[in-house]
Amino acid sequence: MRALIVCITLLFAFLTCTMAQIPSVKVENTKGAQVNTSSLVNHKTPMIISFWATTCKPCIRELDAINEQLPDWLEEANFRVVAVSTDDSRSTAKARALAEGHGWDDFIMLYDKNQEFMRAMNVSLTPQVYVVDADGKIVYSHIGYAPGSELELLKAIKKLQK
């Protein structure tokens, strides 16, 4: 019964997300400046948005896997990766250091210290990853990470470029 409830919840979340748009919320960038999440939509390139936390080992493994594949992926498709730390203001310095230490230099790093973007995107668990088209429409989402699941992100991005 519990498995059925989880499946229904995930299906509902997926269907809701595939019709949703990127909300307008203020977060912090790597320079400490406030940016509006709606400014991520540039009507030119799709993006992968990954919500992560310093205490979430699967989050870090997934972002490392994406980072490792990114040069090859960018030869196949034009897109951006946005990594959104959900750590609170006490842990932001740790999140910045972790991102720098893992070499996530090609990601757009955002820090959602008040978890407003996280709530607006209906994120309840991390890692939660979205693929968003160039106009800000969410076209794919998954929760959790298993090695190899990052390949689904590239498939979703490539579908947008056909």
Protein backbone atom coordinates (compact mmCIF):
# COMPACT_ATOMS: atom_id res chain seq x y z
CA MET A 1 0.00 0.00 0.00
CA ARG A 2 2.82 2.40 0.91
CA ALA A 3 4.53 1.72 -2.43
CA LEU A 4 1.31 2.55 -4.24
CA ILE A 5 0.99 5.85 -2.39
CA VAL A 6 4.61 6.72 -3.19
CA CYS A 7 4.07 5.87 -6.87
CA ILE A 8 0.92 7.98 -7.07
CA THR A 9 2.67 10.88 -5.32
CA LEU A 10 5.63 10.71 -7.69
CA LEU A 11 3.35 10.50 -10.72
CA PHE A 12 1.35 13.51 -9.52
CA ALA A 13 4.59 15.44 -8.88
CA PHE A 14 5.85 14.54 -12.37
CA LEU A 15 2.62 15.57 -14.09
CA THR A 16 2.47 18.80 -12.11
CA CYS A 17 6.09 19.60 -12.88
CA THR A 18 5.80 18.95 -16.59
CA MET A 19 3.20 21.70 -16.82
CA ALA A 20 4.90 24.16 -14.46
CA GLN A 21 7.08 27.18 -15.14
CA ILE A 22 10.12 28.46 -13.27
CA PRO A 23 8.83 30.63 -10.40
CA SER A 24 10.09 34.11 -9.62
CA VAL A 25 12.07 33.95 -6.37
CA LYS A 26 15.18 35.77 -5.14
CA VAL A 27 18.29 33.69 -4.41
CA GLU A 28 21.98 34.46 -4.02
CA ASN A 29 24.63 33.88 -6.68
CA THR A 30 28.31 33.05 -6.13
CA LYS A 31 29.18 36.72 -5.73
CA GLY A 32 26.59 37.14 -2.98
CA ALA A 33 24.25 39.24 -5.13
CA GLN A 34 20.50 38.65 -5.15
CA VAL A 35 19.18 37.32 -8.45
CA ASN A 36 15.66 36.50 -9.51
CA THR A 37 15.19 32.89 -10.59
CA SER A 38 13.00 34.00 -13.48
CA SER A 39 16.11 35.61 -14.99
CA LEU A 40 17.47 32.09 -15.60
CA VAL A 41 15.02 31.78 -18.50
CA ASN A 42 16.74 33.29 -21.54
CA HIS A 43 14.50 31.90 -24.34
CA LYS A 44 17.65 30.51 -26.02
CA THR A 45 18.99 27.55 -24.08
CA PRO A 46 17.42 24.88 -21.89
CA MET A 47 18.85 24.03 -18.51
CA ILE A 48 19.22 21.38 -15.88
CA ILE A 49 18.34 22.64 -12.40
CA SER A 50 19.63 20.48 -9.56
CA PHE A 51 18.64 21.09 -5.95
CA TRP A 52 21.34 19.82 -3.58
CA ALA A 53 22.63 20.10 -0.02
CA THR A 54 26.05 19.64 1.57
CA THR A 55 24.69 16.84 3.75
CA CYS A 56 23.24 14.93 0.77
CA LYS A 57 25.79 12.43 -0.56
CA PRO A 58 23.60 11.37 -3.53
CA CYS A 59 23.31 15.05 -4.50
CA ILE A 60 27.07 15.44 -4.59
CA ARG A 61 27.54 12.18 -6.52
CA GLU A 62 24.97 13.27 -9.12
CA LEU A 63 26.50 16.72 -9.58
CA ASP A 64 29.96 15.13 -9.86
CA ALA A 65 28.62 12.73 -12.50
CA ILE A 66 27.06 15.61 -14.46
CA ASN A 67 30.27 17.63 -14.14
CA GLU A 68 32.34 14.71 -15.40
CA GLN A 69 30.08 14.21 -18.45
CA LEU A 70 29.50 17.91 -19.15
CA PRO A 71 32.24 18.51 -21.77
CA ASP A 72 30.99 15.58 -23.86
CA TRP A 73 27.35 16.51 -23.36
CA LEU A 74 27.96 20.09 -24.49
CA GLU A 75 29.30 18.72 -27.78
CA GLU A 76 25.91 17.04 -28.29
CA ALA A 77 23.57 19.78 -27.03
CA ASN A 78 23.53 23.41 -25.96
CA PHE A 79 22.31 23.85 -22.36
CA ARG A 80 23.24 25.17 -18.93
CA VAL A 81 23.47 23.53 -15.53
CA VAL A 82 22.13 25.37 -12.50
CA ALA A 83 23.05 23.91 -9.11
CA VAL A 84 20.90 25.26 -6.27
CA SER A 85 22.20 24.74 -2.76
CA THR A 86 19.36 24.38 -0.26
CA ASP A 87 21.66 24.85 2.73
CA ASP A 88 20.60 27.57 5.16
CA SER A 89 22.59 30.75 5.82
CA ARG A 90 24.73 29.01 8.48
CA SER A 91 25.96 26.48 5.90
CA THR A 92 26.33 28.66 2.81
CA ALA A 93 30.09 29.05 3.26
CA LYS A 94 30.42 25.27 3.47
CA ALA A 95 28.31 24.89 0.31
CA ARG A 96 30.45 27.43 -1.56
CA ALA A 97 33.63 25.65 -0.49
CA LEU A 98 32.24 22.24 -1.46
CA ALA A 99 31.22 23.47 -4.92
CA GLU A 100 34.63 25.03 -5.45
CA GLY A 101 36.43 21.94 -4.17
CA HIS A 102 34.49 19.68 -6.54
CA GLY A 103 35.30 21.89 -9.52
CA TRP A 104 31.73 22.74 -10.45
CA ASP A 105 33.04 25.82 -12.24
CA ASP A 106 30.86 25.38 -15.32
CA PHE A 107 27.65 25.34 -13.28
CA ILE A 108 25.58 28.39 -12.44
CA MET A 109 25.72 28.18 -8.64
CA LEU A 110 22.82 29.57 -6.63
CA TYR A 111 22.28 29.59 -2.87
CA ASP A 112 18.69 29.30 -1.68
CA LYS A 113 19.42 30.16 1.97
CA ASN A 114 15.76 30.56 2.92
CA GLN A 115 14.58 27.61 0.81
CA GLU A 116 12.10 29.88 -1.00
CA PHE A 117 13.03 28.59 -4.47
CA MET A 118 12.96 25.05 -3.12
CA ARG A 119 9.42 25.52 -1.80
CA ALA A 120 8.26 27.32 -4.94
CA MET A 121 9.49 24.37 -7.03
CA ASN A 122 7.80 21.89 -4.67
CA VAL A 123 11.09 20.20 -3.76
CA SER A 124 10.67 17.96 -0.73
CA LEU A 125 13.75 15.75 -1.05
CA THR A 126 17.21 16.24 -2.48
CA PRO A 127 18.55 15.57 -4.95
CA GLN A 128 15.71 16.74 -7.11
CA VAL A 129 16.58 17.63 -10.67
CA TYR A 130 14.57 19.34 -13.38
CA VAL A 131 15.09 19.80 -17.10
CA VAL A 132 13.65 23.13 -18.19
CA ASP A 133 13.15 24.25 -21.78
CA ALA A 134 14.37 27.59 -23.13
CA ASP A 135 11.07 29.24 -22.22
CA GLY A 136 11.10 28.09 -18.59
CA LYS A 137 8.71 25.16 -18.86
CA ILE A 138 9.64 22.13 -16.78
CA VAL A 139 9.73 19.11 -19.10
CA TYR A 140 11.38 16.45 -16.92
CA SER A 141 12.01 15.81 -13.23
CA HIS A 142 13.46 13.12 -11.03
CA ILE A 143 14.08 12.66 -7.33
CA GLY A 144 17.02 10.76 -5.90
CA TYR A 145 20.11 9.48 -7.64
CA ALA A 146 21.35 6.14 -8.87
CA PRO A 147 24.53 5.90 -10.97
CA GLY A 148 23.57 6.32 -14.61
CA SER A 149 20.34 8.21 -13.97
CA GLU A 150 22.08 11.42 -15.04
CA LEU A 151 21.91 10.07 -18.62
CA GLU A 152 18.14 10.65 -18.54
CA LEU A 153 18.89 14.36 -18.21
CA LEU A 154 20.86 14.40 -21.44
CA LYS A 155 18.09 12.49 -23.21
CA ALA A 156 15.55 15.09 -22.07
CA ILE A 157 17.81 17.95 -23.18
CA LYS A 158 18.39 16.37 -26.60
CA LYS A 159 14.63 15.97 -27.12
CA LEU A 160 14.27 19.74 -26.70
CA GLN A 161 16.74 20.41 -29.50
CA LYS A 162 14.96 18.44 -32.19
